[in-house]
Amino acid sequence: AALEELRARGFEICAAALGPDAVALDDFAPPRRVALAVGQESAGVSAATIAAADAVLRIPMAPGIDSLNVAVASAVCLHRLSRGERR
């Protein structure tokens, strides 16, 4: 319900997650208003949140690195989303 309320207020919902359909963060053009969903470190973002998201974003990482902790991942995503050009 919270995601739908944000969408109704003009936010595009982005989820930070790994997956075959995830867009590299560097290749994503941030929308004018964005809400970022991140998950807990062990389970990640829920399947329901990913399904409700407008975009799923992944942080490009070096081979052999499978994840970052949630605080670091959030900081990287928020930095990129807050400094990018808006559509």
N, C-alpha and C. Protein backbone atom coordinates (compact mmCIF):
# COMPACT_ATOMS: atom_id res chain seq x y z
N ALA A 1 0.83 -1.20 0.00
CA ALA A 1 0.00 0.00 0.00
C ALA A 1 0.87 1.26 0.00
N ALA A 2 1.99 1.22 0.72
CA ALA A 2 2.87 2.39 0.78
C ALA A 2 3.46 2.71 -0.60
N LEU A 3 3.83 1.67 -1.35
CA LEU A 3 4.39 1.90 -2.68
C LEU A 3 3.36 2.52 -3.61
N GLU A 4 2.12 2.07 -3.52
CA GLU A 4 1.06 2.63 -4.35
C GLU A 4 0.76 4.08 -3.97
N GLU A 5 0.86 4.39 -2.69
CA GLU A 5 0.66 5.78 -2.26
C GLU A 5 1.77 6.67 -2.80
N LEU A 6 3.02 6.19 -2.75
CA LEU A 6 4.13 6.95 -3.32
C LEU A 6 3.94 7.16 -4.82
N ARG A 7 3.54 6.10 -5.52
CA ARG A 7 3.31 6.20 -6.96
C ARG A 7 2.20 7.22 -7.24
N ALA A 8 1.15 7.21 -6.46
CA ALA A 8 0.04 8.16 -6.64
C ALA A 8 0.50 9.59 -6.42
N ARG A 9 1.54 9.77 -5.64
CA ARG A 9 2.08 11.11 -5.38
C ARG A 9 3.17 11.50 -6.38
N GLY A 10 3.35 10.66 -7.40
CA GLY A 10 4.27 11.03 -8.48
C GLY A 10 5.67 10.45 -8.40
N PHE A 11 5.87 9.50 -7.50
CA PHE A 11 7.19 8.89 -7.39
C PHE A 11 7.28 7.66 -8.28
N GLU A 12 8.46 7.44 -8.87
CA GLU A 12 8.75 6.18 -9.56
C GLU A 12 9.45 5.29 -8.55
N ILE A 13 9.00 4.06 -8.43
CA ILE A 13 9.53 3.13 -7.43
C ILE A 13 10.68 2.33 -8.04
N CYS A 14 11.82 2.38 -7.38
CA CYS A 14 12.99 1.61 -7.80
C CYS A 14 13.37 0.67 -6.66
N ALA A 15 13.69 -0.56 -7.01
CA ALA A 15 14.15 -1.54 -6.02
C ALA A 15 15.60 -1.88 -6.32
N ALA A 16 16.41 -1.93 -5.30
CA ALA A 16 17.82 -2.31 -5.45
C ALA A 16 17.91 -3.82 -5.22
N ALA A 17 18.23 -4.55 -6.29
CA ALA A 17 18.26 -6.01 -6.18
C ALA A 17 19.09 -6.59 -7.31
N LEU A 18 19.56 -7.80 -7.09
CA LEU A 18 20.24 -8.54 -8.14
C LEU A 18 19.20 -9.32 -8.92
N GLY A 19 19.47 -9.57 -10.15
CA GLY A 19 18.54 -10.37 -10.94
C GLY A 19 18.79 -10.18 -12.42
N PRO A 20 18.30 -11.09 -13.21
CA PRO A 20 18.57 -11.05 -14.65
C PRO A 20 17.98 -9.83 -15.35
N ASP A 21 16.92 -9.25 -14.81
CA ASP A 21 16.27 -8.10 -15.44
C ASP A 21 16.69 -6.77 -14.82
N ALA A 22 17.58 -6.81 -13.85
CA ALA A 22 18.00 -5.58 -13.18
C ALA A 22 18.85 -4.72 -14.12
N VAL A 23 18.64 -3.43 -14.04
CA VAL A 23 19.37 -2.45 -14.85
C VAL A 23 20.58 -1.97 -14.05
N ALA A 24 21.72 -1.89 -14.71
CA ALA A 24 22.91 -1.35 -14.03
C ALA A 24 22.63 0.08 -13.60
N LEU A 25 22.96 0.40 -12.39
CA LEU A 25 22.71 1.73 -11.82
C LEU A 25 23.28 2.83 -12.71
N ASP A 26 24.44 2.61 -13.29
CA ASP A 26 25.08 3.61 -14.15
C ASP A 26 24.30 3.85 -15.44
N ASP A 27 23.48 2.89 -15.85
CA ASP A 27 22.72 3.00 -17.10
C ASP A 27 21.30 3.52 -16.90
N PHE A 28 20.93 3.79 -15.67
CA PHE A 28 19.57 4.21 -15.35
C PHE A 28 19.48 5.73 -15.30
N ALA A 29 18.51 6.28 -16.04
CA ALA A 29 18.26 7.72 -16.00
C ALA A 29 17.26 8.00 -14.88
N PRO A 30 17.69 8.63 -13.80
CA PRO A 30 16.79 8.85 -12.66
C PRO A 30 15.59 9.72 -13.05
N PRO A 31 14.40 9.31 -12.60
CA PRO A 31 13.22 10.14 -12.84
C PRO A 31 13.25 11.37 -11.94
N ARG A 32 12.33 12.28 -12.19
CA ARG A 32 12.27 13.51 -11.39
C ARG A 32 12.02 13.21 -9.92
N ARG A 33 11.13 12.26 -9.63
CA ARG A 33 10.83 11.87 -8.24
C ARG A 33 11.01 10.37 -8.14
N VAL A 34 11.87 9.94 -7.23
CA VAL A 34 12.18 8.52 -7.11
C VAL A 34 12.12 8.08 -5.65
N ALA A 35 11.58 6.89 -5.44
CA ALA A 35 11.59 6.25 -4.13
C ALA A 35 12.41 4.97 -4.28
N LEU A 36 13.31 4.72 -3.35
CA LEU A 36 14.19 3.55 -3.42
C LEU A 36 13.82 2.54 -2.35
N ALA A 37 13.59 1.31 -2.78
CA ALA A 37 13.32 0.21 -1.84
C ALA A 37 14.57 -0.66 -1.76
N VAL A 38 15.02 -0.91 -0.54
CA VAL A 38 16.15 -1.81 -0.30
C VAL A 38 15.70 -2.86 0.70
N GLY A 39 16.34 -4.01 0.65
CA GLY A 39 15.94 -5.09 1.54
C GLY A 39 16.98 -5.38 2.58
N GLN A 40 16.63 -6.27 3.48
CA GLN A 40 17.59 -6.66 4.52
C GLN A 40 18.73 -7.45 3.87
N GLU A 41 19.84 -7.51 4.56
CA GLU A 41 21.05 -8.08 3.97
C GLU A 41 20.93 -9.56 3.64
N SER A 42 20.21 -10.32 4.41
CA SER A 42 20.17 -11.76 4.14
C SER A 42 19.12 -12.14 3.09
N ALA A 43 17.98 -11.48 3.07
CA ALA A 43 16.90 -11.87 2.16
C ALA A 43 16.71 -10.93 0.98
N GLY A 44 17.20 -9.72 1.09
CA GLY A 44 17.03 -8.76 0.01
C GLY A 44 15.62 -8.20 -0.05
N VAL A 45 15.30 -7.60 -1.18
CA VAL A 45 13.99 -7.00 -1.40
C VAL A 45 12.99 -8.12 -1.66
N SER A 46 11.80 -8.00 -1.11
CA SER A 46 10.78 -9.04 -1.28
C SER A 46 10.35 -9.15 -2.74
N ALA A 47 9.87 -10.33 -3.11
CA ALA A 47 9.37 -10.55 -4.47
C ALA A 47 8.20 -9.62 -4.77
N ALA A 48 7.36 -9.36 -3.78
CA ALA A 48 6.22 -8.46 -3.97
C ALA A 48 6.68 -7.04 -4.28
N THR A 49 7.72 -6.58 -3.60
CA THR A 49 8.23 -5.23 -3.85
C THR A 49 8.87 -5.16 -5.23
N ILE A 50 9.62 -6.18 -5.61
CA ILE A 50 10.23 -6.19 -6.94
C ILE A 50 9.13 -6.16 -8.01
N ALA A 51 8.08 -6.94 -7.81
CA ALA A 51 6.99 -6.97 -8.78
C ALA A 51 6.28 -5.62 -8.88
N ALA A 52 6.22 -4.88 -7.78
CA ALA A 52 5.55 -3.59 -7.77
C ALA A 52 6.44 -2.44 -8.25
N ALA A 53 7.74 -2.69 -8.35
CA ALA A 53 8.69 -1.63 -8.71
C ALA A 53 8.59 -1.28 -10.20
N ASP A 54 8.85 -0.01 -10.48
CA ASP A 54 8.92 0.44 -11.87
C ASP A 54 10.25 0.06 -12.51
N ALA A 55 11.28 -0.06 -11.68
CA ALA A 55 12.61 -0.43 -12.17
C ALA A 55 13.33 -1.20 -11.06
N VAL A 56 14.12 -2.18 -11.46
CA VAL A 56 14.99 -2.91 -10.54
C VAL A 56 16.41 -2.55 -10.92
N LEU A 57 17.17 -2.06 -9.95
CA LEU A 57 18.52 -1.57 -10.19
C LEU A 57 19.56 -2.43 -9.50
N ARG A 58 20.70 -2.62 -10.16
CA ARG A 58 21.81 -3.34 -9.54
C ARG A 58 23.05 -2.47 -9.60
N ILE A 59 23.87 -2.61 -8.60
CA ILE A 59 25.14 -1.90 -8.56
C ILE A 59 26.18 -2.77 -9.25
N PRO A 60 26.81 -2.27 -10.32
CA PRO A 60 27.85 -3.06 -10.96
C PRO A 60 29.01 -3.30 -9.99
N MET A 61 29.47 -4.55 -9.93
CA MET A 61 30.55 -4.91 -9.01
C MET A 61 31.58 -5.77 -9.73
N ALA A 62 32.75 -5.82 -9.18
CA ALA A 62 33.83 -6.62 -9.75
C ALA A 62 33.48 -8.11 -9.68
N PRO A 63 33.99 -8.89 -10.62
CA PRO A 63 33.75 -10.34 -10.57
C PRO A 63 34.18 -10.91 -9.21
N GLY A 64 33.37 -11.82 -8.69
CA GLY A 64 33.67 -12.44 -7.41
C GLY A 64 33.05 -11.74 -6.21
N ILE A 65 32.55 -10.54 -6.42
CA ILE A 65 31.87 -9.81 -5.34
C ILE A 65 30.38 -9.99 -5.58
N ASP A 66 29.70 -10.63 -4.63
CA ASP A 66 28.29 -10.93 -4.88
C ASP A 66 27.32 -9.93 -4.25
N SER A 67 27.76 -9.17 -3.25
CA SER A 67 26.83 -8.22 -2.65
C SER A 67 27.57 -7.23 -1.76
N LEU A 68 26.85 -6.18 -1.40
CA LEU A 68 27.31 -5.17 -0.44
C LEU A 68 26.34 -5.19 0.73
N ASN A 69 26.77 -4.67 1.88
CA ASN A 69 25.78 -4.61 2.96
C ASN A 69 24.76 -3.52 2.63
N VAL A 70 23.62 -3.57 3.28
CA VAL A 70 22.50 -2.71 2.90
C VAL A 70 22.82 -1.22 3.08
N ALA A 71 23.60 -0.86 4.07
CA ALA A 71 23.94 0.55 4.27
C ALA A 71 24.79 1.07 3.12
N VAL A 72 25.77 0.29 2.71
CA VAL A 72 26.64 0.70 1.61
C VAL A 72 25.85 0.74 0.30
N ALA A 73 25.05 -0.29 0.04
CA ALA A 73 24.26 -0.34 -1.19
C ALA A 73 23.29 0.84 -1.24
N SER A 74 22.66 1.16 -0.13
CA SER A 74 21.73 2.30 -0.08
C SER A 74 22.46 3.59 -0.39
N ALA A 75 23.62 3.78 0.21
CA ALA A 75 24.40 5.00 0.00
C ALA A 75 24.81 5.16 -1.46
N VAL A 76 25.28 4.08 -2.07
CA VAL A 76 25.68 4.12 -3.48
C VAL A 76 24.49 4.48 -4.35
N CYS A 77 23.37 3.82 -4.15
CA CYS A 77 22.17 4.09 -4.96
C CYS A 77 21.67 5.52 -4.75
N LEU A 78 21.57 5.95 -3.52
CA LEU A 78 21.07 7.30 -3.25
C LEU A 78 21.99 8.37 -3.82
N HIS A 79 23.28 8.14 -3.75
CA HIS A 79 24.23 9.10 -4.33
C HIS A 79 23.99 9.21 -5.84
N ARG A 80 23.90 8.09 -6.51
CA ARG A 80 23.69 8.09 -7.96
C ARG A 80 22.34 8.68 -8.32
N LEU A 81 21.30 8.30 -7.62
CA LEU A 81 19.96 8.79 -7.95
C LEU A 81 19.79 10.27 -7.63
N SER A 82 20.53 10.77 -6.67
CA SER A 82 20.37 12.19 -6.30
C SER A 82 21.22 13.12 -7.16
N ARG A 83 22.24 12.59 -7.84
CA ARG A 83 23.12 13.45 -8.64
C ARG A 83 22.92 13.29 -10.15
N GLY A 84 22.11 12.35 -10.55
CA GLY A 84 21.91 12.12 -11.97
C GLY A 84 21.02 13.16 -12.61
N GLU A 85 21.07 13.23 -13.93
CA GLU A 85 20.16 14.10 -14.65
C GLU A 85 18.75 13.55 -14.54
N ARG A 86 17.80 14.40 -14.36
CA ARG A 86 16.41 14.00 -14.22
C ARG A 86 15.75 13.99 -15.60
N ARG A 87 14.85 13.04 -15.80
CA ARG A 87 14.10 13.06 -17.05
C ARG A 87 12.89 13.95 -16.91
